[in-house]
Amino acid sequence: MGQTNQQTAGRAVQTVCLTTLLLVIPVALSAQSGTCRSLVSGTRLATQAAAAALVTGLEYGEMQRSPSWHVADEPNKKAIIADPSSHLHALGSYHMARNLGAPNCESSSATRRQALRGAALSLSLGTAKEIADGWYNGFSMTDLAVDAAGAGYAVAQAYVPVLRHITPTFSVSQRVMSGDRGLQGAPTNYAQQTAWLSANVHELLPTAVARAWPSPVRLSLGRRAFGGTRQSEYVIGLDLDATRLPGTHPAWLKVKRVLHDVRLPGPAIIIGPNGTRAVGLYW
């Protein structure tokens, strides 16, 4: 293993250790009655922490460690919020809050109380990540605010049922592997990532009108932010909600539930600095 890979692995391990320490209190607070619920809750928490640590470790592989822990200097908070890295903060926090708030073995939906608990755990993970960032690009209160917005949307879905039909989703172009660092550099290859809000239009339309809209087809609004001085692209497209695909095998149902959070390739209209164009298959 080369020196760079060793440093990346070491930083990932450091992040895992820090995250584990900071999760002791949230884990205790999230304990549920019943063997199944406790096991699922603990497994979900460990899985989310490991995923966050992995992505963070890959990100640190492209950074220089600071000689001392510090708070990030953020004179332009609007620019930070507009940066494509904010997509990952908001989306990650939303999905962690939703997964950690799921009540039992059979369901991924959450009551209001469970959604609040999931958001609290999600923000605990976000805080752990920001503390680790203090040794690299700095502890960011703006990033934490974006985390709170993502987790807050998961809570809002528990309070406002109509929002459950509008899902924050994500897509990555197949060209992501063409970057200098391939899959390892994917988390920061923003030019190949798009963040979406995907709406199950069939569920949002009045009953009489909904018959004309195919149930599996979603309408998605997306933003591909490139970072730096390059202007963002905005996208309007159609895609399929994987949960509406046929098949009832338990393993397939789990796959469909995961793919529900992904914007699958489909036709789209792209609005960008170079004008408007239509594509038959947008990633």
Protein backbone atom coordinates (compact mmCIF):
# COMPACT_ATOMS: atom_id res chain seq x y z
CA MET A 1 0.00 0.00 0.00
CA GLY A 2 1.40 3.42 -1.03
CA GLN A 3 2.00 6.25 1.40
CA THR A 4 -1.01 8.21 0.12
CA ASN A 5 -3.33 5.24 0.58
CA GLN A 6 -1.92 4.64 4.05
CA GLN A 7 -2.60 8.26 5.00
CA THR A 8 -6.15 8.03 3.65
CA ALA A 9 -6.80 4.81 5.56
CA GLY A 10 -5.33 6.31 8.71
CA ARG A 11 -7.51 9.38 8.46
CA ALA A 12 -10.59 7.21 7.93
CA VAL A 13 -9.73 5.21 11.06
CA GLN A 14 -9.26 8.45 13.03
CA THR A 15 -12.67 9.63 11.89
CA VAL A 16 -14.30 6.32 12.85
CA CYS A 17 -12.78 6.52 16.33
CA LEU A 18 -13.88 10.12 16.82
CA THR A 19 -17.39 9.37 15.56
CA THR A 20 -17.67 6.37 17.87
CA LEU A 21 -16.67 8.43 20.91
CA LEU A 22 -19.13 11.20 20.10
CA LEU A 23 -21.97 8.73 19.58
CA VAL A 24 -21.88 7.16 23.04
CA ILE A 25 -24.56 9.48 24.43
CA PRO A 26 -26.80 9.44 21.32
CA VAL A 27 -26.68 5.63 21.23
CA ALA A 28 -27.83 5.46 24.83
CA LEU A 29 -30.65 7.88 24.14
CA SER A 30 -31.79 5.95 21.07
CA ALA A 31 -32.30 2.61 22.84
CA GLN A 32 -35.69 1.06 22.10
CA SER A 33 -37.68 -1.71 23.73
CA GLY A 34 -37.76 -5.08 22.03
CA THR A 35 -34.88 -7.15 20.70
CA CYS A 36 -35.68 -6.53 17.04
CA ARG A 37 -36.02 -2.78 17.45
CA SER A 38 -32.85 -2.45 19.50
CA LEU A 39 -30.87 -4.56 17.04
CA VAL A 40 -32.11 -2.65 14.00
CA SER A 41 -31.56 0.71 15.69
CA GLY A 42 -28.00 -0.19 16.66
CA THR A 43 -27.24 -1.66 13.23
CA ARG A 44 -28.59 1.38 11.42
CA LEU A 45 -26.61 3.70 13.66
CA ALA A 46 -23.39 1.75 13.14
CA THR A 47 -23.98 1.59 9.38
CA GLN A 48 -24.65 5.31 9.06
CA ALA A 49 -21.59 6.17 11.19
CA ALA A 50 -19.39 3.85 9.11
CA ALA A 51 -20.67 5.33 5.84
CA ALA A 52 -20.09 8.89 7.08
CA ALA A 53 -16.60 7.95 8.26
CA LEU A 54 -15.76 6.34 4.90
CA VAL A 55 -16.85 9.36 2.85
CA THR A 56 -15.06 11.70 5.25
CA GLY A 57 -11.87 9.64 5.08
CA LEU A 58 -11.93 9.75 1.26
CA GLU A 59 -12.45 13.51 1.41
CA TYR A 60 -9.50 13.96 3.77
CA GLY A 61 -7.30 12.10 1.31
CA GLU A 62 -7.31 15.26 -0.83
CA MET A 63 -6.53 17.65 2.06
CA GLN A 64 -3.56 18.66 4.15
CA ARG A 65 -3.92 18.20 7.89
CA SER A 66 -3.82 21.49 9.79
CA PRO A 67 -1.20 21.86 12.53
CA SER A 68 -3.98 22.77 14.99
CA TRP A 69 -7.74 22.40 15.35
CA HIS A 70 -9.58 25.52 14.14
CA VAL A 71 -12.95 26.99 13.21
CA ALA A 72 -13.40 27.72 9.51
CA ASP A 73 -13.26 31.34 8.38
CA GLU A 74 -16.57 31.85 6.56
CA PRO A 75 -17.00 35.47 5.44
CA ASN A 76 -19.37 34.50 2.59
CA LYS A 77 -21.91 32.03 3.94
CA LYS A 78 -24.13 32.28 0.83
CA ALA A 79 -21.27 31.03 -1.33
CA ILE A 80 -20.71 28.12 1.04
CA ILE A 81 -24.38 27.16 0.93
CA ALA A 82 -24.33 27.38 -2.89
CA ASP A 83 -21.21 25.19 -3.07
CA PRO A 84 -21.90 21.66 -4.36
CA SER A 85 -20.52 20.13 -1.16
CA SER A 86 -23.67 21.44 0.53
CA HIS A 87 -25.67 18.94 -1.55
CA LEU A 88 -23.92 16.09 0.21
CA HIS A 89 -24.38 17.68 3.63
CA ALA A 90 -28.12 18.20 3.18
CA LEU A 91 -28.83 14.91 1.42
CA GLY A 92 -26.69 12.89 3.79
CA SER A 93 -28.30 14.43 6.86
CA TYR A 94 -31.79 13.90 5.46
CA HIS A 95 -31.28 10.23 4.67
CA MET A 96 -29.48 9.55 7.95
CA ALA A 97 -32.31 11.21 9.89
CA ARG A 98 -34.92 9.20 8.03
CA ASN A 99 -33.08 5.89 8.41
CA LEU A 100 -32.21 6.42 12.07
CA GLY A 101 -35.78 7.45 12.84
CA ALA A 102 -37.31 4.31 11.31
CA PRO A 103 -39.23 2.53 14.07
CA ASN A 104 -38.93 -1.21 13.50
CA CYS A 105 -37.98 -4.13 11.29
CA GLU A 106 -40.85 -3.85 8.86
CA SER A 107 -41.17 -0.12 8.21
CA SER A 108 -38.95 2.77 7.16
CA SER A 109 -41.57 5.44 7.91
CA ALA A 110 -41.40 7.39 11.14
CA THR A 111 -43.80 9.00 13.57
CA ARG A 112 -43.15 12.56 14.69
CA ARG A 113 -41.29 11.47 17.82
CA GLN A 114 -39.20 8.95 15.90
CA ALA A 115 -38.43 11.52 13.22
CA LEU A 116 -37.18 13.95 15.86
CA ARG A 117 -34.98 11.24 17.34
CA GLY A 118 -33.59 10.40 13.90
CA ALA A 119 -32.81 14.06 13.24
CA ALA A 120 -31.03 14.38 16.59
CA LEU A 121 -28.86 11.34 15.82
CA SER A 122 -28.17 12.62 12.32
CA LEU A 123 -27.01 15.97 13.70
CA SER A 124 -24.81 14.13 16.22
CA LEU A 125 -23.05 12.46 13.29
CA GLY A 126 -22.82 15.79 11.49
CA THR A 127 -21.28 17.42 14.56
CA ALA A 128 -18.75 14.58 14.81
CA LYS A 129 -17.81 15.15 11.19
CA GLU A 130 -17.38 18.89 11.72
CA ILE A 131 -15.20 18.30 14.79
CA ALA A 132 -12.99 16.07 12.65
CA ASP A 133 -12.97 18.79 9.96
CA GLY A 134 -11.43 21.12 12.54
CA TRP A 135 -8.09 19.42 11.86
CA TYR A 136 -8.46 19.92 8.09
CA ASN A 137 -10.58 22.65 6.48
CA GLY A 138 -12.07 23.84 9.76
CA PHE A 139 -15.19 23.37 11.89
CA SER A 140 -18.05 24.93 9.89
CA MET A 141 -21.20 26.29 11.50
CA THR A 142 -22.61 26.87 8.00
CA ASP A 143 -22.21 23.20 7.13
CA LEU A 144 -23.96 22.31 10.38
CA ALA A 145 -26.82 24.63 9.42
CA VAL A 146 -27.12 22.83 6.08
CA ASP A 147 -27.08 19.51 7.97
CA ALA A 148 -29.92 20.81 10.13
CA ALA A 149 -31.91 21.77 7.02
CA GLY A 150 -31.56 18.27 5.60
CA ALA A 151 -32.49 16.56 8.87
CA GLY A 152 -35.28 19.08 9.34
CA TYR A 153 -36.88 18.05 6.05
CA ALA A 154 -37.10 14.47 7.34
CA VAL A 155 -38.94 15.82 10.39
CA ALA A 156 -41.18 17.99 8.19
CA GLN A 157 -42.24 14.89 6.26
CA ALA A 158 -43.52 13.38 9.52
CA TYR A 159 -45.58 16.51 10.24
CA VAL A 160 -46.73 17.33 6.67
CA PRO A 161 -47.83 14.12 4.87
CA VAL A 162 -47.79 15.66 1.37
CA LEU A 163 -44.00 16.13 1.67
CA ARG A 164 -43.59 12.35 1.86
CA HIS A 165 -44.26 12.29 -1.88
CA ILE A 166 -41.34 14.67 -2.58
CA THR A 167 -38.05 12.89 -1.99
CA PRO A 168 -34.53 14.38 -2.00
CA THR A 169 -32.60 12.15 -4.42
CA PHE A 170 -29.16 12.01 -5.97
CA SER A 171 -27.58 10.88 -9.22
CA VAL A 172 -24.00 10.39 -10.36
CA SER A 173 -22.92 10.34 -13.98
CA GLN A 174 -21.26 7.21 -15.30
CA ARG A 175 -18.38 9.52 -16.24
CA VAL A 176 -17.41 9.84 -12.57
CA MET A 177 -14.82 7.10 -13.11
CA SER A 178 -13.03 9.24 -15.71
CA GLY A 179 -11.64 11.53 -12.98
CA ASP A 180 -8.01 11.44 -11.93
CA ARG A 181 -8.78 9.41 -8.80
CA GLY A 182 -11.67 7.33 -10.11
CA LEU A 183 -14.14 6.03 -7.54
CA GLN A 184 -11.97 7.23 -4.66
CA GLY A 185 -12.41 10.81 -5.85
CA ALA A 186 -16.15 10.43 -6.49
CA PRO A 187 -17.29 12.23 -3.29
CA THR A 188 -15.66 15.47 -4.47
CA ASN A 189 -16.17 15.06 -8.22
CA TYR A 190 -19.04 17.54 -8.14
CA ALA A 191 -19.17 18.02 -11.91
CA GLN A 192 -20.64 14.52 -12.20
CA GLN A 193 -23.21 14.81 -9.38
CA THR A 194 -26.76 16.16 -9.41
CA ALA A 195 -29.02 16.73 -6.40
CA TRP A 196 -32.77 16.43 -7.00
CA LEU A 197 -36.21 16.80 -5.51
CA SER A 198 -38.23 13.94 -6.99
CA ALA A 199 -42.01 14.20 -6.84
CA ASN A 200 -44.47 11.33 -7.11
CA VAL A 201 -46.84 13.40 -9.22
CA HIS A 202 -49.53 10.72 -9.27
CA GLU A 203 -49.96 11.06 -5.49
CA LEU A 204 -50.00 14.88 -5.59
CA LEU A 205 -52.65 15.33 -8.27
CA PRO A 206 -56.43 15.26 -7.66
CA THR A 207 -57.87 11.76 -8.11
CA ALA A 208 -59.64 12.58 -11.38
CA VAL A 209 -56.47 13.98 -12.94
CA ALA A 210 -54.04 11.47 -11.42
CA ARG A 211 -55.36 8.70 -13.70
CA ALA A 212 -53.65 10.39 -16.62
CA TRP A 213 -50.23 10.28 -14.95
CA PRO A 214 -48.44 6.88 -14.78
CA SER A 215 -47.92 5.98 -11.12
CA PRO A 216 -44.22 4.94 -11.44
CA VAL A 217 -43.17 8.15 -13.22
CA ARG A 218 -41.68 10.93 -11.11
CA LEU A 219 -41.01 14.54 -12.04
CA SER A 220 -37.61 15.62 -10.72
CA LEU A 221 -36.00 19.03 -10.38
CA GLY A 222 -32.23 18.98 -10.08
CA ARG A 223 -29.14 21.11 -9.70
CA ARG A 224 -25.64 20.23 -10.82
CA ALA A 225 -23.27 22.65 -9.10
CA PHE A 226 -19.72 22.55 -10.43
CA GLY A 227 -18.06 24.72 -7.80
CA GLY A 228 -15.65 27.58 -8.32
CA THR A 229 -16.70 30.24 -10.83
CA ARG A 230 -18.54 27.90 -13.19
CA GLN A 231 -22.30 28.46 -13.13
CA SER A 232 -24.65 25.69 -12.08
CA GLU A 233 -26.98 23.73 -14.35
CA TYR A 234 -30.63 23.22 -13.48
CA VAL A 235 -32.49 20.19 -14.76
CA ILE A 236 -36.13 19.15 -15.16
CA GLY A 237 -36.55 15.47 -15.88
CA LEU A 238 -38.66 12.35 -15.68
CA ASP A 239 -37.55 9.17 -13.95
CA LEU A 240 -38.99 6.00 -12.44
CA ASP A 241 -39.79 5.47 -8.78
CA ALA A 242 -38.19 2.10 -8.15
CA THR A 243 -40.68 1.23 -5.42
CA ARG A 244 -43.40 1.07 -8.10
CA LEU A 245 -41.55 -1.55 -10.15
CA PRO A 246 -43.07 -5.07 -10.17
CA GLY A 247 -41.84 -7.81 -7.86
CA THR A 248 -42.51 -8.67 -4.21
CA HIS A 249 -39.53 -10.78 -3.14
CA PRO A 250 -38.27 -9.44 0.23
CA ALA A 251 -34.73 -8.89 -1.09
CA TRP A 252 -36.05 -7.08 -4.16
CA LEU A 253 -38.29 -4.91 -1.99
CA LYS A 254 -35.21 -3.76 -0.05
CA VAL A 255 -33.38 -2.96 -3.29
CA LYS A 256 -36.35 -0.99 -4.54
CA ARG A 257 -36.51 0.96 -1.28
CA VAL A 258 -32.85 1.95 -1.69
CA LEU A 259 -33.31 2.89 -5.35
CA HIS A 260 -36.27 5.08 -4.37
CA ASP A 261 -33.66 7.55 -3.09
CA VAL A 262 -31.81 7.58 -6.42
CA ARG A 263 -32.83 9.53 -9.47
CA LEU A 264 -32.63 6.91 -12.22
CA PRO A 265 -31.47 8.01 -15.71
CA GLY A 266 -34.23 9.46 -17.86
CA PRO A 267 -35.16 12.26 -20.28
CA ALA A 268 -34.48 15.79 -19.13
CA ILE A 269 -34.31 19.45 -20.05
CA ILE A 270 -31.09 21.17 -18.99
CA ILE A 271 -31.02 24.89 -18.29
CA GLY A 272 -27.51 26.27 -18.00
CA PRO A 273 -25.20 29.19 -18.80
CA ASN A 274 -25.00 28.02 -22.43
CA GLY A 275 -28.74 27.92 -22.94
CA THR A 276 -31.42 25.23 -22.78
CA ARG A 277 -31.17 21.77 -24.31
CA ALA A 278 -33.03 18.46 -24.11
CA VAL A 279 -31.37 15.06 -23.65
CA GLY A 280 -32.90 11.62 -23.93
CA LEU A 281 -30.95 10.10 -21.05
CA TYR A 282 -29.63 12.32 -18.26
CA TRP A 283 -27.47 10.87 -15.51
